[in-house]
N, C-alpha and C. Protein backbone atom coordinates (compact mmCIF):
# COMPACT_ATOMS: atom_id res chain seq x y z
N MET A 1 -37.40 4.15 -94.49
CA MET A 1 -38.28 4.66 -95.51
C MET A 1 -38.08 6.16 -95.62
N THR A 2 -38.01 6.65 -96.83
CA THR A 2 -37.83 8.09 -97.04
C THR A 2 -39.17 8.80 -96.93
N ILE A 3 -39.11 10.12 -96.77
CA ILE A 3 -40.34 10.91 -96.69
C ILE A 3 -41.12 10.78 -98.00
N THR A 4 -40.42 10.82 -99.11
CA THR A 4 -41.08 10.69 -100.42
C THR A 4 -41.77 9.34 -100.55
N ALA A 5 -41.13 8.29 -100.10
CA ALA A 5 -41.74 6.96 -100.16
C ALA A 5 -43.00 6.90 -99.29
N ALA A 6 -42.96 7.52 -98.12
CA ALA A 6 -44.14 7.55 -97.24
C ALA A 6 -45.28 8.32 -97.90
N LEU A 7 -44.95 9.44 -98.54
CA LEU A 7 -45.97 10.22 -99.24
C LEU A 7 -46.58 9.41 -100.38
N ASN A 8 -45.73 8.75 -101.16
CA ASN A 8 -46.21 7.95 -102.28
C ASN A 8 -47.07 6.77 -101.82
N THR A 9 -46.65 6.13 -100.73
CA THR A 9 -47.41 4.99 -100.21
C THR A 9 -48.77 5.44 -99.71
N SER A 10 -48.82 6.55 -98.99
CA SER A 10 -50.11 7.03 -98.49
C SER A 10 -51.00 7.51 -99.63
N LEU A 11 -50.42 8.11 -100.65
CA LEU A 11 -51.19 8.53 -101.82
C LEU A 11 -51.80 7.30 -102.51
N TRP A 12 -51.00 6.26 -102.69
CA TRP A 12 -51.49 5.02 -103.28
C TRP A 12 -52.62 4.44 -102.43
N GLY A 13 -52.46 4.49 -101.12
CA GLY A 13 -53.49 4.00 -100.21
C GLY A 13 -54.79 4.78 -100.34
N MET A 14 -54.70 6.11 -100.46
CA MET A 14 -55.91 6.92 -100.63
C MET A 14 -56.59 6.61 -101.96
N GLN A 15 -55.81 6.40 -103.00
CA GLN A 15 -56.38 6.03 -104.30
C GLN A 15 -57.08 4.68 -104.23
N THR A 16 -56.48 3.74 -103.53
CA THR A 16 -57.08 2.42 -103.36
C THR A 16 -58.40 2.50 -102.60
N GLU A 17 -58.42 3.27 -101.54
CA GLU A 17 -59.64 3.41 -100.75
C GLU A 17 -60.72 4.15 -101.53
N THR A 18 -60.34 5.08 -102.39
CA THR A 18 -61.31 5.78 -103.25
C THR A 18 -61.96 4.79 -104.21
N THR A 19 -61.16 3.90 -104.79
CA THR A 19 -61.70 2.88 -105.69
C THR A 19 -62.61 1.93 -104.92
N ARG A 20 -62.20 1.56 -103.73
CA ARG A 20 -63.01 0.67 -102.88
C ARG A 20 -64.36 1.30 -102.56
N LEU A 21 -64.34 2.59 -102.23
CA LEU A 21 -65.58 3.31 -101.93
C LEU A 21 -66.47 3.42 -103.16
N SER A 22 -65.86 3.69 -104.30
CA SER A 22 -66.62 3.79 -105.54
C SER A 22 -67.33 2.48 -105.88
N THR A 23 -66.63 1.38 -105.69
CA THR A 23 -67.22 0.06 -105.95
C THR A 23 -68.39 -0.21 -105.01
N ALA A 24 -68.21 0.09 -103.74
CA ALA A 24 -69.28 -0.13 -102.76
C ALA A 24 -70.48 0.77 -103.07
N ALA A 25 -70.21 2.02 -103.45
CA ALA A 25 -71.30 2.94 -103.79
C ALA A 25 -72.07 2.44 -105.00
N HIS A 26 -71.37 1.92 -105.97
CA HIS A 26 -72.01 1.36 -107.15
C HIS A 26 -72.91 0.19 -106.76
N ASN A 27 -72.41 -0.68 -105.91
CA ASN A 27 -73.19 -1.83 -105.45
C ASN A 27 -74.44 -1.39 -104.67
N ILE A 28 -74.28 -0.39 -103.82
CA ILE A 28 -75.40 0.11 -103.02
C ILE A 28 -76.44 0.76 -103.94
N ALA A 29 -75.98 1.53 -104.91
CA ALA A 29 -76.90 2.21 -105.82
C ALA A 29 -77.71 1.22 -106.65
N ASN A 30 -77.15 0.06 -106.92
CA ASN A 30 -77.83 -0.92 -107.77
C ASN A 30 -78.54 -2.02 -107.00
N VAL A 31 -78.61 -1.92 -105.69
CA VAL A 31 -79.16 -3.00 -104.87
C VAL A 31 -80.64 -3.27 -105.20
N SER A 32 -81.38 -2.27 -105.64
CA SER A 32 -82.80 -2.48 -105.94
C SER A 32 -83.06 -2.78 -107.42
N THR A 33 -82.00 -2.91 -108.21
CA THR A 33 -82.14 -3.26 -109.62
C THR A 33 -82.59 -4.71 -109.73
N PRO A 34 -83.65 -4.96 -110.53
CA PRO A 34 -84.12 -6.35 -110.68
C PRO A 34 -83.01 -7.26 -111.22
N GLY A 35 -82.84 -8.40 -110.60
CA GLY A 35 -81.83 -9.36 -111.02
C GLY A 35 -80.45 -9.13 -110.44
N TYR A 36 -80.26 -8.02 -109.74
CA TYR A 36 -78.96 -7.71 -109.14
C TYR A 36 -79.00 -8.13 -107.69
N SER A 37 -78.12 -9.01 -107.31
CA SER A 37 -78.10 -9.43 -105.91
C SER A 37 -76.73 -9.17 -105.32
N HIS A 38 -76.76 -8.46 -104.22
CA HIS A 38 -75.52 -8.16 -103.52
C HIS A 38 -75.88 -7.92 -102.07
N ASP A 39 -74.96 -8.19 -101.16
CA ASP A 39 -75.22 -8.04 -99.73
C ASP A 39 -75.02 -6.59 -99.32
N LEU A 40 -76.11 -5.90 -99.03
CA LEU A 40 -76.06 -4.50 -98.65
C LEU A 40 -75.25 -4.28 -97.37
N THR A 41 -75.33 -5.22 -96.44
CA THR A 41 -74.58 -5.10 -95.19
C THR A 41 -73.09 -5.10 -95.45
N GLU A 42 -72.62 -5.98 -96.31
CA GLU A 42 -71.19 -6.02 -96.65
C GLU A 42 -70.75 -4.74 -97.34
N ASP A 43 -71.61 -4.21 -98.22
CA ASP A 43 -71.26 -2.98 -98.92
C ASP A 43 -71.18 -1.79 -97.96
N MET A 44 -72.09 -1.72 -97.01
CA MET A 44 -72.03 -0.64 -96.02
C MET A 44 -70.78 -0.77 -95.16
N LEU A 45 -70.40 -1.99 -94.84
CA LEU A 45 -69.17 -2.22 -94.09
C LEU A 45 -67.96 -1.77 -94.92
N GLU A 46 -67.98 -2.04 -96.22
CA GLU A 46 -66.90 -1.60 -97.11
C GLU A 46 -66.77 -0.07 -97.09
N VAL A 47 -67.92 0.62 -97.06
CA VAL A 47 -67.90 2.08 -97.02
C VAL A 47 -67.21 2.56 -95.75
N LEU A 48 -67.57 1.98 -94.63
CA LEU A 48 -66.97 2.38 -93.36
C LEU A 48 -65.47 2.07 -93.32
N GLN A 49 -65.08 0.91 -93.83
CA GLN A 49 -63.67 0.55 -93.86
C GLN A 49 -62.89 1.44 -94.81
N ALA A 50 -63.47 1.78 -95.94
CA ALA A 50 -62.80 2.68 -96.89
C ALA A 50 -62.61 4.06 -96.28
N GLU A 51 -63.62 4.52 -95.54
CA GLU A 51 -63.52 5.82 -94.88
C GLU A 51 -62.37 5.83 -93.86
N THR A 52 -62.30 4.78 -93.07
CA THR A 52 -61.25 4.67 -92.06
C THR A 52 -59.87 4.56 -92.71
N GLY A 53 -59.77 3.73 -93.74
CA GLY A 53 -58.50 3.58 -94.45
C GLY A 53 -58.04 4.86 -95.11
N PHE A 54 -58.98 5.58 -95.72
CA PHE A 54 -58.63 6.85 -96.36
C PHE A 54 -58.14 7.85 -95.33
N ALA A 55 -58.85 7.95 -94.21
CA ALA A 55 -58.46 8.88 -93.15
C ALA A 55 -57.07 8.56 -92.60
N ALA A 56 -56.77 7.28 -92.43
CA ALA A 56 -55.45 6.89 -91.93
C ALA A 56 -54.35 7.27 -92.93
N ASN A 57 -54.59 7.01 -94.21
CA ASN A 57 -53.61 7.36 -95.22
C ASN A 57 -53.46 8.87 -95.36
N ALA A 58 -54.55 9.60 -95.22
CA ALA A 58 -54.48 11.06 -95.28
C ALA A 58 -53.66 11.61 -94.11
N SER A 59 -53.81 10.99 -92.95
CA SER A 59 -53.04 11.40 -91.78
C SER A 59 -51.54 11.17 -92.00
N VAL A 60 -51.20 10.03 -92.57
CA VAL A 60 -49.79 9.74 -92.88
C VAL A 60 -49.27 10.75 -93.89
N PHE A 61 -50.08 11.06 -94.91
CA PHE A 61 -49.67 12.03 -95.92
C PHE A 61 -49.42 13.40 -95.30
N GLU A 62 -50.34 13.84 -94.43
CA GLU A 62 -50.17 15.14 -93.77
C GLU A 62 -48.91 15.17 -92.90
N THR A 63 -48.65 14.09 -92.19
CA THR A 63 -47.44 14.01 -91.37
C THR A 63 -46.19 14.07 -92.23
N GLY A 64 -46.20 13.34 -93.34
CA GLY A 64 -45.07 13.37 -94.27
C GLY A 64 -44.86 14.75 -94.87
N ALA A 65 -45.96 15.43 -95.21
CA ALA A 65 -45.86 16.79 -95.75
C ALA A 65 -45.30 17.74 -94.70
N ASP A 66 -45.73 17.58 -93.45
CA ASP A 66 -45.20 18.41 -92.37
C ASP A 66 -43.70 18.15 -92.18
N MET A 67 -43.30 16.90 -92.25
CA MET A 67 -41.89 16.56 -92.12
C MET A 67 -41.09 17.17 -93.26
N TRP A 68 -41.65 17.11 -94.47
CA TRP A 68 -40.98 17.68 -95.64
C TRP A 68 -40.81 19.19 -95.46
N ASP A 69 -41.86 19.87 -94.99
CA ASP A 69 -41.78 21.31 -94.74
C ASP A 69 -40.71 21.63 -93.70
N MET A 70 -40.66 20.83 -92.65
CA MET A 70 -39.65 21.05 -91.60
C MET A 70 -38.25 20.86 -92.16
N LEU A 71 -38.08 19.83 -92.96
CA LEU A 71 -36.78 19.57 -93.58
C LEU A 71 -36.36 20.73 -94.47
N MET A 72 -37.29 21.26 -95.24
CA MET A 72 -36.97 22.39 -96.11
C MET A 72 -36.61 23.63 -95.31
N THR A 73 -37.25 23.82 -94.17
CA THR A 73 -36.92 24.95 -93.28
C THR A 73 -35.50 24.81 -92.74
N ILE A 74 -35.15 23.58 -92.34
CA ILE A 74 -33.81 23.33 -91.80
C ILE A 74 -32.76 23.54 -92.87
N VAL A 75 -33.03 23.07 -94.08
CA VAL A 75 -32.07 23.19 -95.19
C VAL A 75 -31.85 24.64 -95.54
N ARG A 76 -32.90 25.46 -95.52
CA ARG A 76 -32.78 26.90 -95.87
C ARG A 76 -31.99 27.67 -94.82
N ASP A 77 -32.06 27.24 -93.57
CA ASP A 77 -31.38 27.99 -92.50
C ASP A 77 -29.94 27.70 -92.40
């Protein structure tokens, strides 16, 4: 896998987790709306999983960016 592919994959992962968090937040915000039924426990679990997934993808992105910077330093020298 190339550095660019790793960066793109982690970026896609962060976008996915952002959407997942947004959906869970929407469900949590509407839990007390009359006629709306959703499992608050599952939504809170989704929030925690989205947080963990986003952090993991952000870590991969940072590592890829560091590798890219190192590669550019080597190429310039």
